[in-house]
N, C-alpha and C. Protein backbone atom coordinates (compact mmCIF):
# COMPACT_ATOMS: atom_id res chain seq x y z
N MET A 1 0.85 -1.26 -0.01
CA MET A 1 -0.06 -0.05 0.03
C MET A 1 0.87 1.40 -0.08
N PRO A 2 0.67 2.24 -0.93
CA PRO A 2 1.69 3.28 -1.01
C PRO A 2 1.32 4.29 0.19
N ARG A 3 2.48 4.94 0.58
CA ARG A 3 2.43 5.89 1.70
C ARG A 3 1.80 7.19 1.17
N ALA A 4 1.19 7.90 2.12
CA ALA A 4 0.58 9.24 1.72
C ALA A 4 1.78 10.08 1.76
N VAL A 5 1.78 11.16 0.69
CA VAL A 5 2.76 12.09 0.66
C VAL A 5 2.30 13.31 1.22
N SER A 6 2.99 13.92 1.96
CA SER A 6 2.68 15.20 2.60
C SER A 6 2.81 16.39 1.62
N SER A 7 1.85 17.26 1.59
CA SER A 7 1.99 18.38 0.64
C SER A 7 2.86 19.52 1.20
N ARG A 8 3.29 19.30 2.41
CA ARG A 8 4.10 20.38 3.08
C ARG A 8 5.60 20.20 2.74
N GLY A 9 6.04 19.01 2.30
CA GLY A 9 7.36 18.83 1.84
C GLY A 9 8.14 18.24 3.07
N PRO A 10 9.44 18.12 2.91
CA PRO A 10 10.21 17.44 3.94
C PRO A 10 10.26 18.43 5.21
N LYS A 11 10.33 17.87 6.40
CA LYS A 11 10.53 18.55 7.56
C LYS A 11 11.83 19.25 7.66
N ARG A 12 11.90 20.47 8.09
CA ARG A 12 13.12 21.19 8.24
C ARG A 12 13.75 20.90 9.76
N THR A 13 14.88 20.30 9.65
CA THR A 13 15.48 19.88 10.92
C THR A 13 15.96 21.03 11.81
N ARG A 14 16.17 20.79 13.13
CA ARG A 14 16.71 21.85 13.92
C ARG A 14 18.14 22.27 13.53
N ARG A 15 18.96 21.23 12.97
CA ARG A 15 20.20 21.69 12.52
C ARG A 15 20.15 22.50 11.32
N GLN A 16 19.25 22.26 10.34
CA GLN A 16 19.03 23.08 9.17
C GLN A 16 18.65 24.42 9.62
N GLN A 17 17.69 24.39 10.44
CA GLN A 17 17.22 25.86 10.97
C GLN A 17 18.44 26.58 11.60
N PHE A 18 18.99 25.98 12.42
CA PHE A 18 20.29 26.69 13.01
C PHE A 18 21.23 27.18 11.97
N LEU A 19 21.70 26.35 11.10
CA LEU A 19 22.57 26.68 10.08
C LEU A 19 21.99 27.87 9.32
N ALA A 20 20.86 27.86 8.98
CA ALA A 20 20.22 28.80 8.09
C ALA A 20 20.17 30.27 8.95
N GLU A 21 20.03 30.16 10.29
CA GLU A 21 20.15 31.32 11.03
C GLU A 21 21.58 31.86 11.16
N MET A 22 22.47 30.85 11.34
CA MET A 22 23.96 31.29 11.38
C MET A 22 24.37 31.86 10.12
N ASP A 23 23.86 31.31 8.96
CA ASP A 23 24.30 31.91 7.69
C ASP A 23 23.78 33.35 7.51
N ALA A 24 22.63 33.66 7.93
CA ALA A 24 22.23 35.02 7.90
C ALA A 24 22.89 35.87 8.88
N VAL A 25 23.36 35.42 9.96
CA VAL A 25 23.92 36.28 11.06
C VAL A 25 25.42 36.46 10.86
N VAL A 26 26.21 35.56 10.42
CA VAL A 26 27.62 35.66 10.24
C VAL A 26 28.02 36.10 8.84
N PRO A 27 28.39 37.26 8.79
CA PRO A 27 28.83 37.67 7.33
C PRO A 27 30.18 37.09 7.03
N GLY A 28 30.22 36.60 5.91
CA GLY A 28 31.43 35.91 5.48
C GLY A 28 32.64 36.67 5.34
N GLN A 29 32.64 37.75 4.51
CA GLN A 29 33.89 38.48 4.05
C GLN A 29 34.54 39.15 5.29
N ARG A 30 33.69 39.60 6.32
CA ARG A 30 34.39 40.29 7.50
C ARG A 30 35.23 39.33 8.22
N LEU A 31 34.87 38.02 8.26
CA LEU A 31 35.68 37.00 8.98
C LEU A 31 36.77 36.32 8.06
N VAL A 32 36.50 36.27 6.88
CA VAL A 32 37.44 35.54 5.89
C VAL A 32 38.52 36.45 5.82
N ALA A 33 38.39 37.79 6.02
CA ALA A 33 39.62 38.73 5.92
C ALA A 33 40.50 38.52 7.07
N LEU A 34 40.12 37.91 8.23
CA LEU A 34 41.00 37.64 9.18
C LEU A 34 41.79 36.50 8.93
N VAL A 35 41.17 35.53 8.14
CA VAL A 35 41.85 34.28 8.04
C VAL A 35 42.76 34.15 6.71
N GLU A 36 42.29 35.00 5.71
CA GLU A 36 42.86 34.85 4.32
C GLU A 36 44.38 34.90 4.39
N PRO A 37 45.06 35.86 5.16
CA PRO A 37 46.51 35.94 5.22
C PRO A 37 47.29 34.68 5.55
N VAL A 38 46.64 33.83 6.38
CA VAL A 38 47.39 32.70 6.91
C VAL A 38 46.92 31.44 6.09
N GLN A 39 46.14 31.59 5.22
CA GLN A 39 45.60 30.37 4.32
C GLN A 39 46.69 30.04 3.24
N PRO A 40 47.05 28.81 3.02
CA PRO A 40 47.97 28.38 1.98
C PRO A 40 47.59 28.98 0.58
N LYS A 41 48.63 29.33 -0.29
CA LYS A 41 48.36 29.69 -1.63
C LYS A 41 48.92 28.64 -2.41
N MET A 42 48.37 28.55 -3.73
CA MET A 42 48.88 27.75 -4.69
C MET A 42 50.39 27.93 -4.96
N GLY A 43 51.26 27.00 -4.89
CA GLY A 43 52.72 27.15 -5.04
C GLY A 43 53.01 27.16 -6.68
N ALA A 44 54.18 27.66 -6.80
CA ALA A 44 54.78 27.72 -8.19
C ALA A 44 54.85 26.22 -8.87
N ARG A 45 55.15 25.28 -7.95
CA ARG A 45 55.33 23.93 -8.46
C ARG A 45 53.86 23.16 -8.66
N GLY A 46 52.85 23.88 -8.32
CA GLY A 46 51.57 23.22 -8.59
C GLY A 46 50.97 22.60 -7.28
N GLY A 47 50.59 21.28 -7.45
CA GLY A 47 50.14 20.56 -6.27
C GLY A 47 48.69 20.81 -6.17
N GLN A 48 47.97 20.24 -5.15
CA GLN A 48 46.54 20.37 -4.97
C GLN A 48 46.19 21.73 -4.62
N GLN A 49 45.06 22.28 -5.23
CA GLN A 49 44.54 23.54 -4.90
C GLN A 49 44.10 23.65 -3.52
N PRO A 50 44.47 24.54 -2.64
CA PRO A 50 44.10 24.67 -1.30
C PRO A 50 42.51 24.99 -1.42
N TYR A 51 41.98 24.48 -0.23
CA TYR A 51 40.44 24.90 -0.02
C TYR A 51 40.36 26.31 0.21
N SER A 52 39.32 26.93 -0.05
CA SER A 52 39.11 28.37 0.11
C SER A 52 38.98 28.72 1.64
N ALA A 53 39.49 29.86 1.97
CA ALA A 53 39.42 30.29 3.40
C ALA A 53 37.98 30.38 3.79
N LYS A 54 37.11 30.73 3.08
CA LYS A 54 35.59 30.85 3.39
C LYS A 54 34.99 29.44 3.79
N THR A 55 35.45 28.44 2.73
CA THR A 55 34.92 27.06 3.00
C THR A 55 35.43 26.57 4.41
N MET A 56 36.81 26.58 4.45
CA MET A 56 37.40 26.11 5.71
C MET A 56 36.95 26.84 7.10
N LEU A 57 36.66 28.08 6.89
CA LEU A 57 36.17 28.90 8.09
C LEU A 57 34.73 28.31 8.39
N ARG A 58 33.98 28.29 7.54
CA ARG A 58 32.53 27.68 7.77
C ARG A 58 32.56 26.23 8.31
N ILE A 59 33.59 25.41 7.84
CA ILE A 59 33.70 24.12 8.47
C ILE A 59 34.21 24.26 9.74
N HIS A 60 35.14 25.06 10.03
CA HIS A 60 35.57 25.38 11.56
C HIS A 60 34.40 25.85 12.44
N PHE A 61 33.74 26.70 11.98
CA PHE A 61 32.48 27.12 12.78
C PHE A 61 31.57 25.92 13.11
N MET A 62 31.27 25.10 12.17
CA MET A 62 30.38 23.98 12.39
C MET A 62 30.99 22.97 13.34
N GLN A 63 32.31 22.93 13.28
CA GLN A 63 33.01 21.96 14.12
C GLN A 63 32.87 22.35 15.60
N GLN A 64 33.02 23.72 15.74
CA GLN A 64 32.97 24.18 17.10
C GLN A 64 31.41 24.31 17.62
N TRP A 65 30.54 24.68 16.77
CA TRP A 65 29.10 24.69 17.26
C TRP A 65 28.61 23.33 17.55
N PHE A 66 28.96 22.25 16.86
CA PHE A 66 28.52 21.01 17.10
C PHE A 66 29.39 20.09 17.87
N ALA A 67 30.56 20.58 18.36
CA ALA A 67 31.44 19.86 19.07
C ALA A 67 32.02 18.71 18.40
N LEU A 68 32.44 18.67 17.30
CA LEU A 68 32.87 17.57 16.37
C LEU A 68 34.45 17.35 16.38
N SER A 69 34.98 16.31 16.47
CA SER A 69 36.23 16.06 16.12
C SER A 69 36.63 16.22 14.70
N ASP A 70 37.89 16.26 14.36
CA ASP A 70 38.24 16.44 13.05
C ASP A 70 37.72 15.19 12.14
N PRO A 71 37.73 13.94 12.57
CA PRO A 71 37.24 12.93 11.66
C PRO A 71 35.78 13.01 11.70
N ALA A 72 35.00 13.35 12.73
CA ALA A 72 33.63 13.45 12.76
C ALA A 72 33.17 14.65 11.95
N MET A 73 33.88 15.65 11.77
CA MET A 73 33.50 16.78 10.89
C MET A 73 33.68 16.38 9.49
N GLN A 74 34.67 15.57 9.14
CA GLN A 74 34.81 15.01 7.71
C GLN A 74 33.63 14.12 7.46
N GLU A 75 33.27 13.28 8.32
CA GLU A 75 32.12 12.43 8.13
C GLU A 75 30.84 13.07 7.97
N ALA A 76 30.69 14.07 8.85
CA ALA A 76 29.33 14.95 8.69
C ALA A 76 29.28 15.63 7.46
N LEU A 77 30.31 16.08 6.96
CA LEU A 77 30.24 16.72 5.56
C LEU A 77 29.83 15.70 4.47
N HIS A 78 30.32 14.48 4.57
CA HIS A 78 29.83 13.52 3.58
C HIS A 78 28.53 13.07 3.84
N ASP A 79 28.04 13.00 5.09
CA ASP A 79 26.66 12.46 5.37
C ASP A 79 25.59 13.52 5.42
N MET A 80 25.82 14.91 5.73
CA MET A 80 24.82 15.71 5.99
C MET A 80 24.78 16.88 4.92
N PRO A 81 23.67 16.79 4.05
CA PRO A 81 23.67 17.77 2.98
C PRO A 81 23.61 19.19 3.63
N ALA A 82 22.96 19.43 4.80
CA ALA A 82 22.70 20.77 5.32
C ALA A 82 24.08 21.34 5.69
N MET A 83 25.03 20.46 6.19
CA MET A 83 26.43 20.94 6.51
C MET A 83 27.23 21.18 5.32
N ARG A 84 27.08 20.44 4.24
CA ARG A 84 27.77 20.66 3.01
C ARG A 84 27.25 22.07 2.35
N ALA A 85 25.91 22.21 2.50
CA ALA A 85 25.33 23.51 1.97
C ALA A 85 25.90 24.78 2.73
N PHE A 86 25.99 24.66 3.96
CA PHE A 86 26.49 25.73 4.86
C PHE A 86 27.86 26.12 4.53
N ALA A 87 28.80 25.06 4.15
CA ALA A 87 30.17 25.18 3.80
C ALA A 87 30.37 25.62 2.30
N ARG A 88 29.19 25.63 1.62
CA ARG A 88 29.09 26.17 0.25
C ARG A 88 29.80 25.10 -0.60
N MET A 89 29.52 23.80 -0.32
CA MET A 89 30.06 22.68 -1.08
C MET A 89 29.06 21.96 -1.78
N ASP A 90 29.30 21.42 -2.92
CA ASP A 90 28.34 20.48 -3.65
C ASP A 90 29.10 19.02 -3.72
N ALA A 91 28.43 18.08 -3.04
CA ALA A 91 29.12 16.79 -3.00
C ALA A 91 29.44 16.22 -4.36
N GLY A 92 28.68 16.60 -5.37
CA GLY A 92 28.97 16.04 -6.73
C GLY A 92 30.22 16.64 -7.42
N CYS A 93 30.63 17.95 -6.99
CA CYS A 93 31.44 18.69 -7.68
C CYS A 93 32.82 18.94 -6.94
N ASP A 94 32.59 19.29 -5.61
CA ASP A 94 33.65 19.67 -4.73
C ASP A 94 34.29 18.49 -3.96
N LEU A 95 35.60 18.68 -3.79
CA LEU A 95 36.26 17.73 -2.99
C LEU A 95 36.11 18.01 -1.57
N ILE A 96 35.79 17.16 -0.59
CA ILE A 96 35.35 17.49 0.75
C ILE A 96 36.73 17.33 1.49
N PRO A 97 37.10 18.36 2.33
CA PRO A 97 38.37 18.24 3.03
C PRO A 97 38.39 17.05 3.90
N ASP A 98 39.57 16.48 4.00
CA ASP A 98 39.71 15.19 4.92
C ASP A 98 40.11 15.79 6.18
N GLU A 99 40.09 14.82 7.25
CA GLU A 99 40.40 15.25 8.60
C GLU A 99 41.63 16.05 8.66
N SER A 100 42.66 15.59 8.06
CA SER A 100 44.02 16.25 8.07
C SER A 100 43.93 17.66 7.71
N SER A 101 43.13 18.02 6.58
CA SER A 101 43.10 19.37 6.08
C SER A 101 42.39 20.31 7.19
N ILE A 102 41.28 19.62 7.86
CA ILE A 102 40.48 20.31 8.86
C ILE A 102 41.55 20.58 10.08
N LEU A 103 42.23 19.46 10.43
CA LEU A 103 43.21 19.69 11.49
C LEU A 103 44.24 20.83 11.20
N ARG A 104 44.72 20.80 10.14
CA ARG A 104 45.77 21.81 9.74
C ARG A 104 45.28 23.27 9.69
N PHE A 105 44.00 23.46 9.37
CA PHE A 105 43.32 24.75 9.35
C PHE A 105 43.08 25.11 10.67
N ARG A 106 42.66 24.23 11.62
CA ARG A 106 42.46 24.62 13.07
C ARG A 106 43.78 24.95 13.63
N HIS A 107 44.89 24.30 13.36
CA HIS A 107 46.23 24.52 13.98
C HIS A 107 46.71 25.84 13.51
N ARG A 108 46.46 26.20 12.24
CA ARG A 108 46.90 27.54 11.62
C ARG A 108 46.17 28.72 12.38
N LEU A 109 44.88 28.43 12.68
CA LEU A 109 44.12 29.50 13.46
C LEU A 109 44.74 29.64 14.81
N GLU A 110 45.01 28.48 15.52
CA GLU A 110 45.49 28.51 16.82
C GLU A 110 46.97 29.10 16.84
N LYS A 111 47.79 28.73 15.91
CA LYS A 111 49.19 29.30 15.74
C LYS A 111 49.28 30.83 15.67
N HIS A 112 48.27 31.32 14.92
CA HIS A 112 48.24 32.85 14.66
C HIS A 112 47.26 33.58 15.61
N GLY A 113 46.79 32.89 16.60
CA GLY A 113 45.77 33.50 17.62
C GLY A 113 44.47 33.89 16.95
N LEU A 114 44.12 33.35 15.85
CA LEU A 114 42.93 33.67 15.28
C LEU A 114 41.66 33.02 15.81
N ALA A 115 41.80 31.74 16.34
CA ALA A 115 40.60 31.15 16.86
C ALA A 115 39.80 32.05 17.92
N GLU A 116 40.63 32.63 18.87
CA GLU A 116 39.96 33.45 19.76
C GLU A 116 39.41 34.77 19.21
N ARG A 117 40.11 35.40 18.20
CA ARG A 117 39.58 36.52 17.59
C ARG A 117 38.23 36.36 16.76
N LEU A 118 38.25 35.11 16.07
CA LEU A 118 37.07 34.67 15.32
C LEU A 118 35.83 34.55 16.25
N LEU A 119 36.15 33.79 17.45
CA LEU A 119 35.07 33.58 18.38
C LEU A 119 34.60 34.99 18.86
N ALA A 120 35.33 35.84 19.36
CA ALA A 120 35.01 37.14 19.71
C ALA A 120 34.34 37.77 18.57
N GLU A 121 34.66 37.83 17.43
CA GLU A 121 33.96 38.45 16.25
C GLU A 121 32.58 37.95 16.12
N VAL A 122 32.42 36.53 16.21
CA VAL A 122 31.19 35.94 15.99
C VAL A 122 30.25 36.32 17.13
N ASN A 123 30.60 36.32 18.31
CA ASN A 123 30.01 36.78 19.56
C ASN A 123 29.51 38.15 19.35
N ALA A 124 30.38 38.98 19.00
CA ALA A 124 30.00 40.41 18.71
C ALA A 124 29.02 40.54 17.71
N LEU A 125 29.05 39.89 16.68
CA LEU A 125 27.97 39.92 15.67
C LEU A 125 26.62 39.47 16.19
N LEU A 126 26.61 38.34 16.95
CA LEU A 126 25.43 37.84 17.53
C LEU A 126 24.80 38.88 18.59
N THR A 127 25.65 39.41 19.39
CA THR A 127 25.31 40.33 20.41
C THR A 127 24.67 41.63 19.66
N GLU A 128 25.14 42.12 18.57
CA GLU A 128 24.76 43.11 17.90
C GLU A 128 23.25 42.98 17.37
N ARG A 129 23.01 41.63 17.24
CA ARG A 129 21.64 41.22 16.65
C ARG A 129 20.74 40.86 17.87
N GLY A 130 21.23 40.94 19.07
CA GLY A 130 20.44 40.52 20.28
C GLY A 130 20.26 38.99 20.34
N LEU A 131 21.23 38.26 19.88
CA LEU A 131 21.25 36.75 19.95
C LEU A 131 22.40 36.24 20.88
N LEU A 132 22.15 35.08 21.36
CA LEU A 132 23.09 34.24 22.01
C LEU A 132 23.23 33.00 21.49
N LEU A 133 24.54 32.29 21.39
CA LEU A 133 24.60 31.11 20.90
C LEU A 133 24.66 30.14 22.21
N LYS A 134 23.72 29.23 22.18
CA LYS A 134 23.64 28.35 23.46
C LYS A 134 24.24 27.05 22.82
N GLN A 135 25.54 26.66 23.59
CA GLN A 135 26.18 25.56 23.07
C GLN A 135 25.50 24.41 23.43
N GLY A 136 25.53 23.41 22.43
CA GLY A 136 24.71 22.17 22.57
C GLY A 136 25.44 21.04 21.80
N THR A 137 24.67 19.98 21.66
CA THR A 137 25.14 18.94 20.83
C THR A 137 24.83 19.04 19.42
N LEU A 138 25.12 18.13 18.58
CA LEU A 138 24.93 18.32 17.17
C LEU A 138 23.36 18.27 16.87
N VAL A 139 22.57 17.83 17.75
CA VAL A 139 21.10 17.91 17.38
C VAL A 139 20.39 19.11 18.03
N ASP A 140 21.04 19.79 18.93
CA ASP A 140 20.21 20.80 19.87
C ASP A 140 20.89 22.23 20.01
N ALA A 141 21.96 22.37 19.15
CA ALA A 141 22.51 23.80 19.18
C ALA A 141 21.45 24.69 18.57
N THR A 142 21.17 25.71 19.34
CA THR A 142 20.20 26.65 18.89
C THR A 142 20.57 28.07 19.26
N LEU A 143 19.98 28.96 18.58
CA LEU A 143 20.26 30.38 18.78
C LEU A 143 18.90 30.87 19.57
N ILE A 144 19.24 31.62 20.52
CA ILE A 144 18.09 32.12 21.40
C ILE A 144 18.25 33.79 21.35
N ALA A 145 16.98 34.41 21.40
CA ALA A 145 17.02 35.86 21.58
C ALA A 145 17.40 36.05 23.03
N ALA A 146 18.24 37.13 23.21
CA ALA A 146 18.69 37.43 24.50
C ALA A 146 18.21 38.86 24.82
N PRO A 147 17.71 39.08 26.12
CA PRO A 147 17.30 40.29 26.57
C PRO A 147 18.48 41.31 26.53
N SER A 148 18.17 42.60 26.06
CA SER A 148 19.36 43.49 26.17
C SER A 148 19.76 43.92 27.45
């Protein structure tokens, strides 16, 4: 017996809702400008094209928001279309960074003292909009309106 199809479409998950809200709140260029100077450039000898600072920064944010290890972040990018979409990646066209690439990016941020600056910048952006990030697990990270 065929299942009834809902006319409302697929349910939007809490993760999708959270990432959509963060996408609207966190302006990319303002934060990318902090990271771009330490991001590797394509060498004269060629080699693999480095991932863009914007993509790696978005992956880094998701890793922090959802408390994911480097291997878990790599797996989440493969498994979850919402996370690939937030990172501006197309699973059919883009290479997904492996756990080593994610680790090296995080270490570059730490080495140059950028992790703390990025966190402060995101918190300032959220505060400007009257929002707080309530830290949680992969399924319940949420944005909540904060009283001024």
